[in-house]
Amino acid sequence: MKCEKFQYGGCLGNQNNFHTLKECQDTCEDNLRSANSLQITDMLVSTTNNTTPVVKQESVLLPSLCVMRRDRGLCKANEKRFFYNLTTGKCHPFNYSGCGGNENNFTSRKSCLQMCKKESVLLPSLCVMRRDRGLCKANEKRFFYNLTTGKCHPFNYSGCGGNENNFTSRKSCLQMCKKESVLLPSLCVMRRDRGLCKANEKRFFYNLTTGKCHPFNYSGCGGNENNFTSRKSCLQMCKKESVLLPSLCVMRRDRGLCKANEKRFFYSLTTGKCHPFSYSGCGGNENNFTSRKSCLQMCKKGFQGRMKIRRKRKKQAKLIDGEIVIERI
């Protein structure tokens, strides 16, 4: 195997895309020479025979930003930055456009390694978000966690918009983001979201401030994943003893942007099962598996490798996340 030149269309594609021959060789050919080393994923995964993901108890949990793909962004600048490559376990340079992109973007190799090396401490995903003043005109004193300093700093919040790295006191900020804090699944830190439609369905959401699950009226469409049909299911997911799912497992099914129809599987947080869907061939997100087995190995609760032996069962149509899915029953 070797690195070969190709013509890139300028958008979409995947991570097997390098600006120079040297960058490709440093990333891929060095990795082939050390193929016996343990590969780290977002949640305790290595591979067997380079095909099927297998759960490894001794693997290390990485912050979710470390599994994001390199993203140059939307503008035209060429700023030298570094990103963590999950395959090589190293931080590599790339050219950042100056705007857009994602959080896997560091100003130095040192800061990249401090966040994503194997020994790193995992923080809740909101703690790695950048300070965001929001969209309105108010000046409310709030606090945000600064990943670089490891401290909570004050800032002026506009009163609307922004992100979850926004606390009313330094104490609540430190309780969430200091190293010894309890890590919750990312959906549990999302704000209550009624959604976009006009229905009034009773649902429950987890309140990070109170540590409890509270009822709210769901509109029937839109909203976010912090949305449960019962208080029990809410507590099972978000109480402190809950099992943390890899961030990709809470992503919604995404068909992608192209026109193909490839059979893939996604994990449904609502049902706790892996269901088939048609993938377009490009775009989409990481909640996309080539088999039900690999999906379950990544996303089933507990990650103990307990695969129940099932009898062959009939297929039945079922409504999941607003679409009809064929499922074995």
Protein backbone atom coordinates (compact mmCIF):
# COMPACT_ATOMS: atom_id res chain seq x y z
CA MET A 1 0.00 0.00 0.00
CA LYS A 2 1.27 3.50 -0.81
CA CYS A 3 0.09 7.11 -1.10
CA GLU A 4 -1.14 8.13 -4.55
CA LYS A 5 -2.12 11.49 -6.01
CA PHE A 6 -5.77 12.19 -6.92
CA GLN A 7 -7.98 15.13 -7.92
CA TYR A 8 -10.16 16.34 -5.00
CA GLY A 9 -13.53 17.93 -5.85
CA GLY A 10 -13.33 20.46 -3.02
CA CYS A 11 -16.09 19.26 -0.70
CA LEU A 12 -17.31 16.14 1.15
CA GLY A 13 -15.10 13.07 0.78
CA ASN A 14 -13.36 11.57 3.82
CA GLN A 15 -10.20 11.82 5.93
CA ASN A 16 -8.07 9.88 3.44
CA ASN A 17 -7.24 13.19 1.80
CA PHE A 18 -3.89 14.96 2.31
CA HIS A 19 -2.31 18.15 0.97
CA THR A 20 1.15 16.64 0.47
CA LEU A 21 2.73 13.24 -0.16
CA LYS A 22 4.76 13.61 3.06
CA GLU A 23 1.64 14.22 5.18
CA CYS A 24 0.00 11.13 3.68
CA GLN A 25 3.09 8.98 4.28
CA ASP A 26 3.55 10.28 7.83
CA THR A 27 -0.07 9.52 8.63
CA CYS A 28 -0.69 6.23 6.85
CA GLU A 29 2.52 4.44 5.99
CA ASP A 30 4.02 4.91 9.45
CA ASN A 31 0.79 3.54 10.86
CA LEU A 32 0.98 0.44 8.64
CA ARG A 33 4.47 -0.26 9.96
CA SER A 34 3.13 -0.18 13.53
CA ALA A 35 -0.10 -2.04 12.83
CA ASN A 36 0.21 -4.10 15.99
CA SER A 37 -0.35 -1.07 18.22
CA LEU A 38 -3.72 -0.62 19.95
CA GLN A 39 -6.04 1.78 18.13
CA ILE A 40 -8.17 4.11 20.26
CA THR A 41 -11.76 5.08 19.42
CA ASP A 42 -14.34 7.24 21.15
CA MET A 43 -15.35 4.24 23.24
CA LEU A 44 -13.10 1.29 23.89
CA VAL A 45 -12.75 -0.23 20.43
CA SER A 46 -10.01 -2.04 18.51
CA THR A 47 -10.27 -4.27 15.44
CA THR A 48 -9.84 -7.95 14.69
CA ASN A 49 -8.38 -8.89 11.29
CA ASN A 50 -8.84 -5.23 10.27
CA THR A 51 -12.60 -5.74 9.87
CA THR A 52 -14.95 -6.11 12.82
CA PRO A 53 -14.78 -3.64 15.76
CA VAL A 54 -14.25 -5.45 19.06
CA VAL A 55 -14.67 -3.94 22.52
CA LYS A 56 -11.51 -3.82 24.63
CA GLN A 57 -11.91 -3.26 28.36
CA GLU A 58 -8.41 -1.75 28.66
CA SER A 59 -8.93 0.89 25.98
CA VAL A 60 -9.09 4.57 26.81
CA LEU A 61 -12.03 6.94 26.50
CA LEU A 62 -11.19 10.08 24.53
CA PRO A 63 -12.95 13.44 24.54
CA SER A 64 -15.53 13.57 21.73
CA LEU A 65 -13.67 16.37 19.90
CA CYS A 66 -10.72 13.99 19.40
CA VAL A 67 -12.79 11.72 17.14
CA MET A 68 -13.97 14.57 14.91
CA ARG A 69 -12.63 14.59 11.37
CA ARG A 70 -10.19 17.26 10.27
CA ASP A 71 -12.21 20.24 9.04
CA ARG A 72 -10.51 23.08 7.19
CA GLY A 73 -13.51 25.39 7.63
CA LEU A 74 -15.28 27.84 5.33
CA CYS A 75 -13.01 30.86 4.76
CA LYS A 76 -9.89 31.47 2.66
CA ALA A 77 -7.06 31.96 5.16
CA ASN A 78 -4.22 29.48 5.65
CA GLU A 79 -3.48 29.29 9.38
CA LYS A 80 -1.30 26.47 10.64
CA ARG A 81 -3.26 24.34 13.12
CA PHE A 82 -3.12 20.79 14.47
CA PHE A 83 -5.76 18.04 14.63
CA TYR A 84 -5.81 14.68 16.39
CA ASN A 85 -5.91 11.70 14.03
CA LEU A 86 -7.75 8.80 15.63
CA THR A 87 -6.13 6.25 13.31
CA THR A 88 -2.51 7.19 14.00
CA GLY A 89 -2.97 8.37 17.58
CA LYS A 90 -0.91 11.47 16.69
CA CYS A 91 -1.49 15.19 16.17
CA HIS A 92 -0.88 16.37 12.60
CA PRO A 93 -0.68 19.87 11.08
CA PHE A 94 -3.31 21.19 8.68
CA ASN A 95 -4.26 24.50 7.09
CA TYR A 96 -7.24 26.15 8.79
CA SER A 97 -9.33 28.57 6.72
CA GLY A 98 -9.90 30.97 9.63
CA CYS A 99 -13.60 30.34 10.31
CA GLY A 100 -16.00 27.42 10.71
CA GLY A 101 -14.60 23.94 11.17
CA ASN A 102 -14.90 22.01 14.43
CA GLU A 103 -13.28 21.65 17.86
CA ASN A 104 -10.54 19.27 16.69
CA ASN A 105 -8.43 22.32 15.99
CA PHE A 106 -5.40 23.28 18.09
CA THR A 107 -2.86 26.08 17.82
CA SER A 108 0.02 23.78 18.78
CA ARG A 109 0.90 20.08 18.75
CA LYS A 110 1.42 20.28 22.51
CA SER A 111 -2.13 21.48 23.26
CA CYS A 112 -3.50 18.83 20.86
CA LEU A 113 -1.63 16.03 22.66
CA GLN A 114 -2.62 17.34 26.09
CA MET A 115 -6.28 16.96 25.13
CA CYS A 116 -6.22 13.77 23.09
CA LYS A 117 -3.28 11.64 24.24
CA LYS A 118 -4.25 8.35 25.92
CA GLU A 119 -3.72 9.62 29.45
CA SER A 120 -6.00 12.64 29.00
CA VAL A 121 -8.86 13.29 31.40
CA LEU A 122 -12.28 13.19 29.80
CA LEU A 123 -14.41 16.28 30.36
CA PRO A 124 -18.10 16.66 29.55
CA SER A 125 -18.43 17.87 25.95
CA LEU A 126 -19.84 21.26 26.99
CA CYS A 127 -16.57 22.01 28.83
CA VAL A 128 -14.59 22.05 25.56
CA MET A 129 -16.95 24.47 23.83
CA ARG A 130 -15.62 27.94 23.12
CA ARG A 131 -17.00 30.94 24.98
CA ASP A 132 -20.08 32.18 23.10
CA ARG A 133 -21.69 35.51 24.00
CA GLY A 134 -24.86 34.69 22.06
CA LEU A 135 -27.09 36.74 19.76
CA CYS A 136 -28.98 39.32 21.85
CA LYS A 137 -28.02 42.64 23.47
CA ALA A 138 -28.17 42.02 27.23
CA ASN A 139 -25.12 41.92 29.50
CA GLU A 140 -25.63 39.12 32.01
CA LYS A 141 -22.67 37.98 34.09
CA ARG A 142 -21.96 34.31 33.40
CA PHE A 143 -19.02 31.92 33.66
CA PHE A 144 -17.42 29.59 31.11
CA TYR A 145 -14.78 26.87 31.46
CA ASN A 146 -11.52 27.62 29.69
CA LEU A 147 -9.86 24.42 28.52
CA THR A 148 -6.47 26.11 28.20
CA THR A 149 -6.30 27.51 31.75
CA GLY A 150 -8.37 24.79 33.42
CA LYS A 151 -10.34 27.53 35.21
CA CYS A 152 -13.80 29.11 35.05
CA HIS A 153 -13.80 32.74 33.89
CA PRO A 154 -16.55 35.40 33.82
CA PHE A 155 -18.00 36.72 30.56
CA ASN A 156 -20.95 38.84 29.44
CA TYR A 157 -23.82 36.78 28.07
CA SER A 158 -26.19 38.46 25.60
CA GLY A 159 -29.29 36.74 26.99
CA CYS A 160 -30.06 34.35 24.13
CA GLY A 161 -28.27 31.87 21.86
CA GLY A 162 -24.75 30.80 22.75
CA ASN A 163 -23.90 27.29 23.89
CA GLU A 164 -23.92 25.06 26.98
CA ASN A 165 -20.58 26.30 28.34
CA ASN A 166 -22.51 28.95 30.23
CA PHE A 167 -22.94 28.94 34.03
CA THR A 168 -24.60 31.32 36.46
CA SER A 169 -21.81 30.91 39.03
CA ARG A 170 -18.15 29.91 39.18
CA LYS A 171 -19.08 27.12 41.60
CA SER A 172 -21.54 25.44 39.20
CA CYS A 173 -18.97 25.79 36.40
CA LEU A 174 -16.25 24.06 38.44
CA GLN A 175 -18.63 21.34 39.60
CA MET A 176 -19.29 20.40 35.99
CA CYS A 177 -15.87 20.86 34.43
CA LYS A 178 -13.20 20.20 37.05
CA LYS A 179 -11.28 16.97 36.36
CA GLU A 180 -12.91 14.88 39.04
CA SER A 181 -16.44 15.71 37.88
CA VAL A 182 -18.91 12.96 36.97
CA LEU A 183 -19.28 12.54 33.23
CA LEU A 184 -22.82 12.42 31.86
CA PRO A 185 -23.90 11.46 28.35
CA SER A 186 -23.89 14.62 26.19
CA LEU A 187 -27.68 14.53 25.70
CA CYS A 188 -28.14 15.01 29.47
CA VAL A 189 -26.59 18.48 29.35
CA MET A 190 -28.84 19.70 26.54
CA ARG A 191 -31.42 22.33 27.42
CA ARG A 192 -35.09 21.48 27.38
CA ASP A 193 -36.39 21.97 23.84
CA ARG A 194 -40.11 21.92 23.13
CA GLY A 195 -39.58 21.50 19.38
CA LEU A 196 -41.23 23.04 16.32
CA CYS A 197 -44.76 21.64 16.01
CA LYS A 198 -48.05 22.27 17.85
CA ALA A 199 -48.79 19.06 19.76
CA ASN A 200 -48.67 18.77 23.55
CA GLU A 201 -47.09 15.41 24.40
CA LYS A 202 -45.95 14.77 27.95
CA ARG A 203 -42.22 14.08 28.01
CA PHE A 204 -39.36 14.29 30.51
CA PHE A 205 -35.99 16.04 30.35
CA TYR A 206 -32.94 15.88 32.60
CA ASN A 207 -32.16 19.13 34.42
CA LEU A 208 -28.44 19.46 34.99
CA THR A 209 -28.93 22.02 37.76
CA THR A 210 -31.34 19.98 39.89
CA GLY A 211 -30.00 16.54 38.95
CA LYS A 212 -33.60 15.40 38.40
CA CYS A 213 -35.91 14.55 35.50
CA HIS A 214 -38.79 16.98 35.03
CA PRO A 215 -41.91 16.84 32.81
CA PHE A 216 -42.42 19.19 29.87
CA ASN A 217 -44.74 19.52 26.88
CA TYR A 218 -43.18 18.31 23.64
CA SER A 219 -44.52 19.76 20.38
CA GLY A 220 -44.25 16.47 18.49
CA CYS A 221 -41.32 17.26 16.16
CA GLY A 222 -37.85 18.80 16.30
CA GLY A 223 -36.25 19.40 19.67
CA ASN A 224 -33.22 17.45 20.87
CA GLU A 225 -32.24 14.11 22.44
CA ASN A 226 -32.93 15.23 26.04
CA ASN A 227 -36.46 13.98 25.57
CA PHE A 228 -37.83 10.86 27.29
CA THR A 229 -41.25 9.21 27.35
CA SER A 230 -40.98 8.42 31.08
CA ARG A 231 -39.15 9.65 34.17
CA LYS A 232 -37.69 6.16 34.59
CA SER A 233 -36.03 6.10 31.16
CA CYS A 234 -34.72 9.63 31.77
CA LEU A 235 -33.10 8.65 35.07
CA GLN A 236 -31.66 5.45 33.61
CA MET A 237 -29.80 7.50 31.02
CA CYS A 238 -28.78 10.55 33.03
CA LYS A 239 -28.32 9.58 36.67
CA LYS A 240 -24.68 9.55 37.77
CA GLU A 241 -24.33 5.78 37.64
CA SER A 242 -25.49 5.61 34.03
CA VAL A 243 -23.39 3.99 31.32
CA LEU A 244 -21.78 6.51 29.00
CA LEU A 245 -22.45 5.94 25.32
CA PRO A 246 -19.98 7.10 22.69
CA SER A 247 -21.13 10.46 21.30
CA LEU A 248 -21.76 8.94 17.86
CA CYS A 249 -24.45 6.69 19.39
CA VAL A 250 -26.65 9.66 20.30
CA MET A 251 -26.49 11.17 16.82
CA ARG A 252 -29.66 11.02 14.78
CA ARG A 253 -29.83 8.85 11.70
CA ASP A 254 -28.46 10.82 8.74
CA ARG A 255 -28.91 9.53 5.19
CA GLY A 256 -26.26 11.89 3.81
CA LEU A 257 -26.05 14.04 0.68
CA CYS A 258 -25.62 11.75 -2.33
CA LYS A 259 -27.97 9.48 -4.31
CA ALA A 260 -26.81 5.92 -3.61
CA ASN A 261 -28.79 3.40 -1.56
CA GLU A 262 -26.32 1.47 0.59
CA LYS A 263 -27.65 -0.67 3.42
CA ARG A 264 -26.26 0.57 6.74
CA PHE A 265 -27.25 0.42 10.41
CA PHE A 266 -27.72 3.18 13.01
CA TYR A 267 -28.21 3.06 16.78
CA SER A 268 -31.53 4.45 18.01
CA LEU A 269 -31.28 5.96 21.46
CA THR A 270 -35.04 5.67 21.81
CA THR A 271 -35.26 1.91 21.25
CA GLY A 272 -31.76 0.94 22.41
CA LYS A 273 -31.40 -1.13 19.23
CA CYS A 274 -29.59 -0.93 15.88
CA HIS A 275 -31.84 -0.49 12.85
CA PRO A 276 -31.16 -0.60 9.09
CA PHE A 277 -31.35 2.50 6.89
CA SER A 278 -30.41 3.52 3.36
CA TYR A 279 -27.17 5.54 3.21
CA SER A 280 -26.69 7.90 0.27
CA GLY A 281 -22.98 7.16 -0.07
CA CYS A 282 -21.50 10.45 1.18
CA GLY A 283 -21.96 12.92 4.03
CA GLY A 284 -24.03 11.89 7.03
CA ASN A 285 -22.49 11.28 10.44
CA GLU A 286 -20.61 8.64 12.45
CA ASN A 287 -23.75 6.76 13.56
CA ASN A 288 -23.38 4.63 10.47
CA PHE A 289 -22.34 0.95 10.57
CA THR A 290 -21.95 -1.69 7.88
CA SER A 291 -23.52 -4.40 10.05
CA ARG A 292 -25.91 -4.72 13.00
CA LYS A 293 -23.19 -6.56 14.93
CA SER A 294 -20.63 -3.74 14.68
CA CYS A 295 -23.35 -1.24 15.63
CA LEU A 296 -24.29 -3.19 18.76
CA GLN A 297 -20.67 -3.70 19.76
CA MET A 298 -20.14 0.04 19.74
CA CYS A 299 -23.43 1.30 21.17
CA LYS A 300 -25.13 -1.31 23.33
CA LYS A 301 -25.15 -0.45 27.04
CA GLY A 302 -22.37 -1.85 29.19
CA PHE A 303 -19.99 -2.74 26.34
CA GLN A 304 -19.39 -6.17 27.89
CA GLY A 305 -19.65 -8.06 24.62
CA ARG A 306 -22.75 -9.92 25.80
CA MET A 307 -24.33 -10.83 22.47
CA LYS A 308 -27.56 -12.73 23.04
CA ILE A 309 -28.12 -15.70 20.74
CA ARG A 310 -31.34 -15.03 18.90
CA ARG A 311 -33.57 -17.31 16.93
CA LYS A 312 -34.33 -16.32 13.37
CA ARG A 313 -37.39 -14.11 13.59
CA LYS A 314 -39.90 -12.65 11.21
CA LYS A 315 -39.65 -9.10 9.99
CA GLN A 316 -42.14 -6.41 10.92
CA ALA A 317 -42.53 -2.77 9.92
CA LYS A 318 -42.11 -0.36 12.84
CA LEU A 319 -42.27 3.45 13.13
CA ILE A 320 -38.97 4.79 14.52
CA ASP A 321 -37.95 8.46 14.66
CA GLY A 322 -40.76 9.35 12.28
CA GLU A 323 -39.93 6.77 9.59
CA ILE A 324 -40.97 3.19 8.89
CA VAL A 325 -38.12 0.75 9.59
CA ILE A 326 -38.17 -3.00 8.92
CA GLU A 327 -37.16 -4.77 12.12
CA ARG A 328 -36.79 -8.41 13.18
CA ILE A 329 -39.34 -9.39 15.86
